[in-house]
Amino acid sequence: RRWGLDARRPILALLPGSRPQELRRHLSLFLKA
């Protein structure tokens, strides 16, 4: 409810990193996957 998610559907969590350099290399990759 807090994050506007559907509690009935499974969640695929994407954690691309905690540094800007990691985000640049992983964000698009993780979203595409």
Full PDB file with SEQRES, HELIX, SHEET, SSBOND, CRYST1, ORIGX, SCALE, CONECT and MASTER records, all heavy atoms in Angstrom:
SEQRES   1 A   33  ARG ARG TRP GLY LEU ASP ALA ARG ARG PRO ILE LEU ALA          
SEQRES   2 A   33  LEU LEU PRO GLY SER ARG PRO GLN GLU LEU ARG ARG HIS          
SEQRES   3 A   33  LEU SER LEU PHE LEU LYS ALA                                  
HELIX    1 AA1 PRO A   20  LYS A   32  1                                  13    
CRYST1    1.000    1.000    1.000  90.00  90.00  90.00 P 1           1          
ORIGX1      1.000000  0.000000  0.000000        0.00000                         
ORIGX2      0.000000  1.000000  0.000000        0.00000                         
ORIGX3      0.000000  0.000000  1.000000        0.00000                         
SCALE1      1.000000  0.000000  0.000000        0.00000                         
SCALE2      0.000000  1.000000  0.000000        0.00000                         
SCALE3      0.000000  0.000000  1.000000        0.00000                         
ATOM      1  N   ARG A   1       0.833  -1.209   0.000  1.00  0.00           N  
ATOM      2  CA  ARG A   1       0.000   0.000   0.000  1.00  0.00           C  
ATOM      3  C   ARG A   1       0.865   1.256   0.000  1.00  0.00           C  
ATOM      4  O   ARG A   1       0.579   2.225  -0.703  1.00  0.00           O  
ATOM      5  CB  ARG A   1      -0.928   0.015   1.224  1.00  0.00           C  
ATOM      6  CG  ARG A   1      -2.179  -0.818   1.069  1.00  0.00           C  
ATOM      7  CD  ARG A   1      -3.223  -0.436   2.121  1.00  0.00           C  
ATOM      8  NE  ARG A   1      -2.707  -0.550   3.481  1.00  0.00           N  
ATOM      9  CZ  ARG A   1      -2.731  -1.666   4.210  1.00  0.00           C  
ATOM     10  NH1 ARG A   1      -3.256  -2.778   3.698  1.00  0.00           N  
ATOM     11  NH2 ARG A   1      -2.254  -1.679   5.437  1.00  0.00           N  
ATOM     12  N   ARG A   2       1.932   1.227   0.782  1.00  0.00           N  
ATOM     13  CA  ARG A   2       2.797   2.402   0.882  1.00  0.00           C  
ATOM     14  C   ARG A   2       3.395   2.774  -0.472  1.00  0.00           C  
ATOM     15  O   ARG A   2       3.499   3.962  -0.808  1.00  0.00           O  
ATOM     16  CB  ARG A   2       3.917   2.129   1.888  1.00  0.00           C  
ATOM     17  CG  ARG A   2       4.901   3.290   2.014  1.00  0.00           C  
ATOM     18  CD  ARG A   2       6.070   2.948   2.912  1.00  0.00           C  
ATOM     19  NE  ARG A   2       7.041   4.026   2.922  1.00  0.00           N  
ATOM     20  CZ  ARG A   2       8.263   3.943   3.442  1.00  0.00           C  
ATOM     21  NH1 ARG A   2       8.641   2.801   4.025  1.00  0.00           N  
ATOM     22  NH2 ARG A   2       9.101   4.958   3.398  1.00  0.00           N  
ATOM     23  N   TRP A   3       3.757   1.766  -1.278  1.00  0.00           N  
ATOM     24  CA  TRP A   3       4.446   2.039  -2.535  1.00  0.00           C  
ATOM     25  C   TRP A   3       3.560   1.856  -3.769  1.00  0.00           C  
ATOM     26  O   TRP A   3       4.058   1.877  -4.894  1.00  0.00           O  
ATOM     27  CB  TRP A   3       5.689   1.146  -2.641  1.00  0.00           C  
ATOM     28  CG  TRP A   3       6.684   1.441  -1.560  1.00  0.00           C  
ATOM     29  CD1 TRP A   3       6.943   0.686  -0.457  1.00  0.00           C  
ATOM     30  CD2 TRP A   3       7.523   2.589  -1.466  1.00  0.00           C  
ATOM     31  NE1 TRP A   3       7.901   1.282   0.317  1.00  0.00           N  
ATOM     32  CE2 TRP A   3       8.282   2.458  -0.275  1.00  0.00           C  
ATOM     33  CE3 TRP A   3       7.725   3.715  -2.266  1.00  0.00           C  
ATOM     34  CZ2 TRP A   3       9.207   3.416   0.125  1.00  0.00           C  
ATOM     35  CZ3 TRP A   3       8.655   4.659  -1.876  1.00  0.00           C  
ATOM     36  CH2 TRP A   3       9.385   4.504  -0.695  1.00  0.00           C  
ATOM     37  N   GLY A   4       2.263   1.677  -3.546  1.00  0.00           N  
ATOM     38  CA  GLY A   4       1.338   1.568  -4.673  1.00  0.00           C  
ATOM     39  C   GLY A   4       1.497   0.290  -5.465  1.00  0.00           C  
ATOM     40  O   GLY A   4       1.321   0.279  -6.694  1.00  0.00           O  
ATOM     41  N   LEU A   5       1.798  -0.810  -4.803  1.00  0.00           N  
ATOM     42  CA  LEU A   5       2.008  -2.098  -5.461  1.00  0.00           C  
ATOM     43  C   LEU A   5       0.798  -2.993  -5.276  1.00  0.00           C  
ATOM     44  O   LEU A   5       0.000  -2.810  -4.347  1.00  0.00           O  
ATOM     45  CB  LEU A   5       3.263  -2.780  -4.896  1.00  0.00           C  
ATOM     46  CG  LEU A   5       4.549  -1.941  -4.925  1.00  0.00           C  
ATOM     47  CD1 LEU A   5       5.678  -2.685  -4.212  1.00  0.00           C  
ATOM     48  CD2 LEU A   5       4.940  -1.600  -6.357  1.00  0.00           C  
ATOM     49  N   ASP A   6       0.676  -3.978  -6.140  1.00  0.00           N  
ATOM     50  CA  ASP A   6      -0.409  -4.959  -6.065  1.00  0.00           C  
ATOM     51  C   ASP A   6       0.046  -6.113  -5.168  1.00  0.00           C  
ATOM     52  O   ASP A   6       0.921  -6.894  -5.553  1.00  0.00           O  
ATOM     53  CB  ASP A   6      -0.745  -5.464  -7.465  1.00  0.00           C  
ATOM     54  CG  ASP A   6      -1.963  -6.381  -7.481  1.00  0.00           C  
ATOM     55  OD1 ASP A   6      -2.384  -6.841  -6.395  1.00  0.00           O  
ATOM     56  OD2 ASP A   6      -2.472  -6.669  -8.580  1.00  0.00           O  
ATOM     57  N   ALA A   7      -0.537  -6.221  -3.993  1.00  0.00           N  
ATOM     58  CA  ALA A   7      -0.122  -7.246  -3.035  1.00  0.00           C  
ATOM     59  C   ALA A   7      -0.410  -8.650  -3.528  1.00  0.00           C  
ATOM     60  O   ALA A   7       0.136  -9.629  -2.994  1.00  0.00           O  
ATOM     61  CB  ALA A   7      -0.802  -7.007  -1.687  1.00  0.00           C  
ATOM     62  N   ARG A   8      -1.274  -8.788  -4.551  1.00  0.00           N  
ATOM     63  CA  ARG A   8      -1.628 -10.123  -5.043  1.00  0.00           C  
ATOM     64  C   ARG A   8      -0.638 -10.638  -6.077  1.00  0.00           C  
ATOM     65  O   ARG A   8      -0.634 -11.840  -6.374  1.00  0.00           O  
ATOM     66  CB  ARG A   8      -3.039 -10.085  -5.653  1.00  0.00           C  
ATOM     67  CG  ARG A   8      -4.140  -9.729  -4.658  1.00  0.00           C  
ATOM     68  CD  ARG A   8      -5.413  -9.377  -5.385  1.00  0.00           C  
ATOM     69  NE  ARG A   8      -5.229  -8.165  -6.211  1.00  0.00           N  
ATOM     70  CZ  ARG A   8      -6.182  -7.642  -6.969  1.00  0.00           C  
ATOM     71  NH1 ARG A   8      -7.383  -8.207  -7.029  1.00  0.00           N  
ATOM     72  NH2 ARG A   8      -5.936  -6.558  -7.677  1.00  0.00           N  
ATOM     73  N   ARG A   9       0.187  -9.773  -6.620  1.00  0.00           N  
ATOM     74  CA  ARG A   9       1.120 -10.181  -7.681  1.00  0.00           C  
ATOM     75  C   ARG A   9       2.543 -10.282  -7.140  1.00  0.00           C  
ATOM     76  O   ARG A   9       2.970  -9.485  -6.300  1.00  0.00           O  
ATOM     77  CB  ARG A   9       1.099  -9.167  -8.829  1.00  0.00           C  
ATOM     78  CG  ARG A   9      -0.209  -9.113  -9.597  1.00  0.00           C  
ATOM     79  CD  ARG A   9      -0.090  -8.083 -10.713  1.00  0.00           C  
ATOM     80  NE  ARG A   9       0.964  -8.419 -11.646  1.00  0.00           N  
ATOM     81  CZ  ARG A   9       1.613  -7.524 -12.414  1.00  0.00           C  
ATOM     82  NH1 ARG A   9       1.315  -6.235 -12.298  1.00  0.00           N  
ATOM     83  NH2 ARG A   9       2.538  -7.915 -13.263  1.00  0.00           N  
ATOM     84  N   PRO A  10       3.302 -11.275  -7.615  1.00  0.00           N  
ATOM     85  CA  PRO A  10       4.698 -11.392  -7.169  1.00  0.00           C  
ATOM     86  C   PRO A  10       5.535 -10.215  -7.666  1.00  0.00           C  
ATOM     87  O   PRO A  10       5.251  -9.614  -8.710  1.00  0.00           O  
ATOM     88  CB  PRO A  10       5.163 -12.711  -7.801  1.00  0.00           C  
ATOM     89  CG  PRO A  10       4.221 -12.961  -8.926  1.00  0.00           C  
ATOM     90  CD  PRO A  10       2.919 -12.359  -8.534  1.00  0.00           C  
ATOM     91  N   ILE A  11       6.557  -9.905  -6.891  1.00  0.00           N  
ATOM     92  CA  ILE A  11       7.443  -8.778  -7.190  1.00  0.00           C  
ATOM     93  C   ILE A  11       8.802  -9.309  -7.638  1.00  0.00           C  
ATOM     94  O   ILE A  11       9.360 -10.231  -7.030  1.00  0.00           O  
ATOM     95  CB  ILE A  11       7.631  -7.889  -5.945  1.00  0.00           C  
ATOM     96  CG1 ILE A  11       6.312  -7.240  -5.535  1.00  0.00           C  
ATOM     97  CG2 ILE A  11       8.690  -6.810  -6.191  1.00  0.00           C  
ATOM     98  CD1 ILE A  11       6.378  -6.528  -4.192  1.00  0.00           C  
ATOM     99  N   LEU A  12       9.320  -8.720  -8.717  1.00  0.00           N  
ATOM    100  CA  LEU A  12      10.711  -8.923  -9.111  1.00  0.00           C  
ATOM    101  C   LEU A  12      11.474  -7.665  -8.714  1.00  0.00           C  
ATOM    102  O   LEU A  12      11.291  -6.599  -9.304  1.00  0.00           O  
ATOM    103  CB  LEU A  12      10.827  -9.178 -10.619  1.00  0.00           C  
ATOM    104  CG  LEU A  12      12.239  -9.125 -11.232  1.00  0.00           C  
ATOM    105  CD1 LEU A  12      13.227 -10.011 -10.489  1.00  0.00           C  
ATOM    106  CD2 LEU A  12      12.191  -9.488 -12.716  1.00  0.00           C  
ATOM    107  N   ALA A  13      12.297  -7.771  -7.675  1.00  0.00           N  
ATOM    108  CA  ALA A  13      13.064  -6.632  -7.172  1.00  0.00           C  
ATOM    109  C   ALA A  13      14.312  -6.430  -8.020  1.00  0.00           C  
ATOM    110  O   ALA A  13      15.023  -7.396  -8.330  1.00  0.00           O  
ATOM    111  CB  ALA A  13      13.446  -6.861  -5.713  1.00  0.00           C  
ATOM    112  N   LEU A  14      14.593  -5.182  -8.367  1.00  0.00           N  
ATOM    113  CA  LEU A  14      15.781  -4.825  -9.132  1.00  0.00           C  
ATOM    114  C   LEU A  14      16.651  -3.917  -8.277  1.00  0.00           C  
ATOM    115  O   LEU A  14      16.225  -2.821  -7.898  1.00  0.00           O  
ATOM    116  CB  LEU A  14      15.389  -4.108 -10.423  1.00  0.00           C  
ATOM    117  CG  LEU A  14      14.392  -4.838 -11.336  1.00  0.00           C  
ATOM    118  CD1 LEU A  14      14.026  -3.956 -12.535  1.00  0.00           C  
ATOM    119  CD2 LEU A  14      14.949  -6.170 -11.806  1.00  0.00           C  
ATOM    120  N   LEU A  15      17.855  -4.378  -7.956  1.00  0.00           N  
ATOM    121  CA  LEU A  15      18.784  -3.605  -7.124  1.00  0.00           C  
ATOM    122  C   LEU A  15      20.051  -3.348  -7.930  1.00  0.00           C  
ATOM    123  O   LEU A  15      20.997  -4.148  -7.898  1.00  0.00           O  
ATOM    124  CB  LEU A  15      19.109  -4.354  -5.829  1.00  0.00           C  
ATOM    125  CG  LEU A  15      18.040  -4.316  -4.719  1.00  0.00           C  
ATOM    126  CD1 LEU A  15      16.868  -5.222  -5.057  1.00  0.00           C  
ATOM    127  CD2 LEU A  15      18.636  -4.740  -3.377  1.00  0.00           C  
ATOM    128  N   PRO A  16      20.107  -2.226  -8.665  1.00  0.00           N  
ATOM    129  CA  PRO A  16      21.222  -1.994  -9.593  1.00  0.00           C  
ATOM    130  C   PRO A  16      22.483  -1.427  -8.965  1.00  0.00           C  
ATOM    131  O   PRO A  16      23.507  -1.335  -9.643  1.00  0.00           O  
ATOM    132  CB  PRO A  16      20.623  -0.997 -10.591  1.00  0.00           C  
ATOM    133  CG  PRO A  16      19.596  -0.254  -9.802  1.00  0.00           C  
ATOM    134  CD  PRO A  16      19.036  -1.229  -8.813  1.00  0.00           C  
ATOM    135  N   GLY A  17      22.452  -1.015  -7.688  1.00  0.00           N  
ATOM    136  CA  GLY A  17      23.674  -0.558  -7.051  1.00  0.00           C  
ATOM    137  C   GLY A  17      23.494   0.715  -6.247  1.00  0.00           C  
ATOM    138  O   GLY A  17      22.476   1.399  -6.346  1.00  0.00           O  
ATOM    139  N   SER A  18      24.506   1.030  -5.451  1.00  0.00           N  
ATOM    140  CA  SER A  18      24.442   2.182  -4.551  1.00  0.00           C  
ATOM    141  C   SER A  18      25.445   3.269  -4.920  1.00  0.00           C  
ATOM    142  O   SER A  18      25.610   4.234  -4.189  1.00  0.00           O  
ATOM    143  CB  SER A  18      24.710   1.721  -3.110  1.00  0.00           C  
ATOM    144  OG  SER A  18      25.989   1.102  -3.020  1.00  0.00           O  
ATOM    145  N   ARG A  19      26.139   3.095  -6.054  1.00  0.00           N  
ATOM    146  CA  ARG A  19      27.079   4.112  -6.518  1.00  0.00           C  
ATOM    147  C   ARG A  19      26.656   4.581  -7.907  1.00  0.00           C  
ATOM    148  O   ARG A  19      26.166   3.779  -8.705  1.00  0.00           O  
ATOM    149  CB  ARG A  19      28.508   3.547  -6.584  1.00  0.00           C  
ATOM    150  CG  ARG A  19      29.063   3.090  -5.245  1.00  0.00           C  
ATOM    151  CD  ARG A  19      30.427   2.432  -5.436  1.00  0.00           C  
ATOM    152  NE  ARG A  19      31.033   2.098  -4.161  1.00  0.00           N  
ATOM    153  CZ  ARG A  19      30.847   0.951  -3.520  1.00  0.00           C  
ATOM    154  NH1 ARG A  19      30.047   0.030  -4.047  1.00  0.00           N  
ATOM    155  NH2 ARG A  19      31.439   0.714  -2.368  1.00  0.00           N  
ATOM    156  N   PRO A  20      26.864   5.858  -8.231  1.00  0.00           N  
ATOM    157  CA  PRO A  20      26.480   6.348  -9.558  1.00  0.00           C  
ATOM    158  C   PRO A  20      27.078   5.531 -10.694  1.00  0.00           C  
ATOM    159  O   PRO A  20      26.417   5.263 -11.699  1.00  0.00           O  
ATOM    160  CB  PRO A  20      26.991   7.797  -9.559  1.00  0.00           C  
ATOM    161  CG  PRO A  20      26.967   8.195  -8.115  1.00  0.00           C  
ATOM    162  CD  PRO A  20      27.346   6.946  -7.356  1.00  0.00           C  
ATOM    163  N   GLN A  21      28.351   5.118 -10.553  1.00  0.00           N  
ATOM    164  CA  GLN A  21      28.992   4.349 -11.618  1.00  0.00           C  
ATOM    165  C   GLN A  21      28.297   3.004 -11.813  1.00  0.00           C  
ATOM    166  O   GLN A  21      28.203   2.496 -12.940  1.00  0.00           O  
ATOM    167  CB  GLN A  21      30.471   4.139 -11.304  1.00  0.00           C  
ATOM    168  CG  GLN A  21      30.712   3.177 -10.135  1.00  0.00           C  
ATOM    169  CD  GLN A  21      32.150   3.163  -9.674  1.00  0.00           C  
ATOM    170  OE1 GLN A  21      32.653   4.170  -9.187  1.00  0.00           O  
ATOM    171  NE2 GLN A  21      32.807   2.036  -9.819  1.00  0.00           N  
ATOM    172  N   GLU A  22      27.799   2.401 -10.724  1.00  0.00           N  
ATOM    173  CA  GLU A  22      27.082   1.130 -10.832  1.00  0.00           C  
ATOM    174  C   GLU A  22      25.724   1.320 -11.494  1.00  0.00           C  
ATOM    175  O   GLU A  22      25.292   0.495 -12.314  1.00  0.00           O  
ATOM    176  CB  GLU A  22      26.924   0.509  -9.444  1.00  0.00           C  
ATOM    177  CG  GLU A  22      28.232   0.103  -8.812  1.00  0.00           C  
ATOM    178  CD  GLU A  22      28.094  -0.304  -7.358  1.00  0.00           C  
ATOM    179  OE1 GLU A  22      27.123   0.111  -6.704  1.00  0.00           O  
ATOM    180  OE2 GLU A  22      28.982  -1.032  -6.870  1.00  0.00           O  
ATOM    181  N   LEU A  23      25.065   2.408 -11.144  1.00  0.00           N  
ATOM    182  CA  LEU A  23      23.758   2.680 -11.731  1.00  0.00           C  
ATOM    183  C   LEU A  23      23.873   2.859 -13.242  1.00  0.00           C  
ATOM    184  O   LEU A  23      23.026   2.370 -14.001  1.00  0.00           O  
ATOM    185  CB  LEU A  23      23.170   3.934 -11.089  1.00  0.00           C  
ATOM    186  CG  LEU A  23      21.648   4.002 -10.997  1.00  0.00           C  
ATOM    187  CD1 LEU A  23      21.107   2.854 -10.171  1.00  0.00           C  
ATOM    188  CD2 LEU A  23      21.212   5.329 -10.405  1.00  0.00           C  
ATOM    189  N   ARG A  24      24.921   3.532 -13.684  1.00  0.00           N  
ATOM    190  CA  ARG A  24      25.101   3.747 -15.120  1.00  0.00           C  
ATOM    191  C   ARG A  24      25.257   2.425 -15.867  1.00  0.00           C  
ATOM    192  O   ARG A  24      24.809   2.287 -17.002  1.00  0.00           O  
ATOM    193  CB  ARG A  24      26.319   4.642 -15.373  1.00  0.00           C  
ATOM    194  CG  ARG A  24      26.102   6.097 -14.998  1.00  0.00           C  
ATOM    195  CD  ARG A  24      27.214   6.967 -15.550  1.00  0.00           C  
ATOM    196  NE  ARG A  24      28.516   6.647 -14.970  1.00  0.00           N  
ATOM    197  CZ  ARG A  24      28.991   7.215 -13.874  1.00  0.00           C  
ATOM    198  NH1 ARG A  24      28.270   8.111 -13.218  1.00  0.00           N  
ATOM    199  NH2 ARG A  24      30.185   6.883 -13.417  1.00  0.00           N  
ATOM    200  N   ARG A  25      25.891   1.465 -15.245  1.00  0.00           N  
ATOM    201  CA  ARG A  25      26.155   0.200 -15.928  1.00  0.00           C  
ATOM    202  C   ARG A  25      25.049  -0.840 -15.738  1.00  0.00           C  
ATOM    203  O   ARG A  25      24.954  -1.787 -16.519  1.00  0.00           O  
ATOM    204  CB  ARG A  25      27.489  -0.385 -15.446  1.00  0.00           C  
ATOM    205  CG  ARG A  25      28.676   0.494 -15.815  1.00  0.00           C  
ATOM    206  CD  ARG A  25      30.003  -0.174 -15.504  1.00  0.00           C  
ATOM    207  NE  ARG A  25      31.113   0.715 -15.820  1.00  0.00           N  
ATOM    208  CZ  ARG A  25      31.662   0.837 -17.024  1.00  0.00           C  
ATOM    209  NH1 ARG A  25      31.188   0.121 -18.034  1.00  0.00           N  
ATOM    210  NH2 ARG A  25      32.666   1.676 -17.229  1.00  0.00           N  
ATOM    211  N   HIS A  26      24.210  -0.675 -14.721  1.00  0.00           N  
ATOM    212  CA  HIS A  26      23.251  -1.737 -14.399  1.00  0.00           C  
ATOM    213  C   HIS A  26      21.784  -1.366 -14.575  1.00  0.00           C  
ATOM    214  O   HIS A  26      20.962  -2.261 -14.775  1.00  0.00           O  
ATOM    215  CB  HIS A  26      23.459  -2.188 -12.940  1.00  0.00           C  
ATOM    216  CG  HIS A  26      24.804  -2.765 -12.668  1.00  0.00           C  
ATOM    217  ND1 HIS A  26      25.566  -2.421 -11.567  1.00  0.00           N  
ATOM    218  CD2 HIS A  26      25.550  -3.653 -13.369  1.00  0.00           C  
ATOM    219  CE1 HIS A  26      26.701  -3.077 -11.593  1.00  0.00           C  
ATOM    220  NE2 HIS A  26      26.722  -3.831 -12.671  1.00  0.00           N  
ATOM    221  N   LEU A  27      21.437  -0.088 -14.471  1.00  0.00           N  
ATOM    222  CA  LEU A  27      20.016   0.266 -14.455  1.00  0.00           C  
ATOM    223  C   LEU A  27      19.300  -0.181 -15.727  1.00  0.00           C  
ATOM    224  O   LEU A  27      18.286  -0.888 -15.667  1.00  0.00           O  
ATOM    225  CB  LEU A  27      19.851   1.774 -14.254  1.00  0.00           C  
ATOM    226  CG  LEU A  27      18.406   2.289 -14.236  1.00  0.00           C  
ATOM    227  CD1 LEU A  27      17.587   1.606 -13.151  1.00  0.00           C  
ATOM    228  CD2 LEU A  27      18.382   3.808 -14.046  1.00  0.00           C  
ATOM    229  N   SER A  28      19.794   0.207 -16.873  1.00  0.00           N  
ATOM    230  CA  SER A  28      19.150  -0.171 -18.136  1.00  0.00           C  
ATOM    231  C   SER A  28      19.175  -1.684 -18.324  1.00  0.00           C  
ATOM    232  O   SER A  28      18.175  -2.287 -18.764  1.00  0.00           O  
ATOM    233  CB  SER A  28      19.860   0.524 -19.301  1.00  0.00           C  
ATOM    234  OG  SER A  28      19.317   0.107 -20.532  1.00  0.00           O  
ATOM    235  N   LEU A  29      20.288  -2.305 -18.003  1.00  0.00           N  
ATOM    236  CA  LEU A  29      20.417  -3.756 -18.119  1.00  0.00           C  
ATOM    237  C   LEU A  29      19.371  -4.481 -17.283  1.00  0.00           C  
ATOM    238  O   LEU A  29      18.699  -5.406 -17.764  1.00  0.00           O  
ATOM    239  CB  LEU A  29      21.825  -4.171 -17.677  1.00  0.00           C  
ATOM    240  CG  LEU A  29      22.082  -5.666 -17.506  1.00  0.00           C  
ATOM    241  CD1 LEU A  29      22.029  -6.373 -18.852  1.00  0.00           C  
ATOM    242  CD2 LEU A  29      23.436  -5.898 -16.816  1.00  0.00           C  
ATOM    243  N   PHE A  30      19.209  -4.056 -16.043  1.00  0.00           N  
ATOM    244  CA  PHE A  30      18.265  -4.728 -15.143  1.00  0.00           C  
ATOM    245  C   PHE A  30      16.818  -4.528 -15.603  1.00  0.00           C  
ATOM    246  O   PHE A  30      16.002  -5.446 -15.539  1.00  0.00           O  
ATOM    247  CB  PHE A  30      18.455  -4.224 -13.719  1.00  0.00           C  
ATOM    248  CG  PHE A  30      19.647  -4.815 -12.999  1.00  0.00           C  
ATOM    249  CD1 PHE A  30      20.714  -5.356 -13.704  1.00  0.00           C  
ATOM    250  CD2 PHE A  30      19.713  -4.823 -11.615  1.00  0.00           C  
ATOM    251  CE1 PHE A  30      21.806  -5.902 -13.044  1.00  0.00           C  
ATOM    252  CE2 PHE A  30      20.791  -5.369 -10.945  1.00  0.00           C  
ATOM    253  CZ  PHE A  30      21.850  -5.906 -11.661  1.00  0.00           C  
ATOM    254  N   LEU A  31      16.512  -3.304 -16.062  1.00  0.00           N  
ATOM    255  CA  LEU A  31      15.154  -3.042 -16.540  1.00  0.00           C  
ATOM    256  C   LEU A  31      14.836  -3.887 -17.775  1.00  0.00           C  
ATOM    257  O   LEU A  31      13.737  -4.446 -17.893  1.00  0.00           O  
ATOM    258  CB  LEU A  31      14.992  -1.559 -16.852  1.00  0.00           C  
ATOM    259  CG  LEU A  31      14.872  -0.627 -15.646  1.00  0.00           C  
ATOM    260  CD1 LEU A  31      14.987   0.834 -16.081  1.00  0.00           C  
ATOM    261  CD2 LEU A  31      13.558  -0.855 -14.905  1.00  0.00           C  
ATOM    262  N   LYS A  32      15.778  -3.991 -18.697  1.00  0.00           N  
ATOM    263  CA  LYS A  32      15.553  -4.806 -19.898  1.00  0.00           C  
ATOM    264  C   LYS A  32      15.357  -6.275 -19.527  1.00  0.00           C  
ATOM    265  O   LYS A  32      14.480  -6.960 -20.083  1.00  0.00           O  
ATOM    266  CB  LYS A  32      16.727  -4.657 -20.860  1.00  0.00           C  
ATOM    267  CG  LYS A  32      16.796  -3.297 -21.537  1.00  0.00           C  
ATOM    268  CD  LYS A  32      18.033  -3.188 -22.418  1.00  0.00           C  
ATOM    269  CE  LYS A  32      18.113  -1.816 -23.083  1.00  0.00           C  
ATOM    270  NZ  LYS A  32      19.353  -1.660 -23.892  1.00  0.00           N  
ATOM    271  N   ALA A  33      16.163  -6.777 -18.595  1.00  0.00           N  
ATOM    272  CA  ALA A  33      16.018  -8.170 -18.168  1.00  0.00           C  
ATOM    273  C   ALA A  33      14.659  -8.393 -17.516  1.00  0.00           C  
ATOM    274  O   ALA A  33      13.986  -9.405 -17.779  1.00  0.00           O  
ATOM    275  CB  ALA A  33      17.143  -8.538 -17.206  1.00  0.00           C  
TER     276      ALA A  33                                                      
MASTER        0    0    0    1    0    0    0    6  275    1    0    3          
END                                                                             
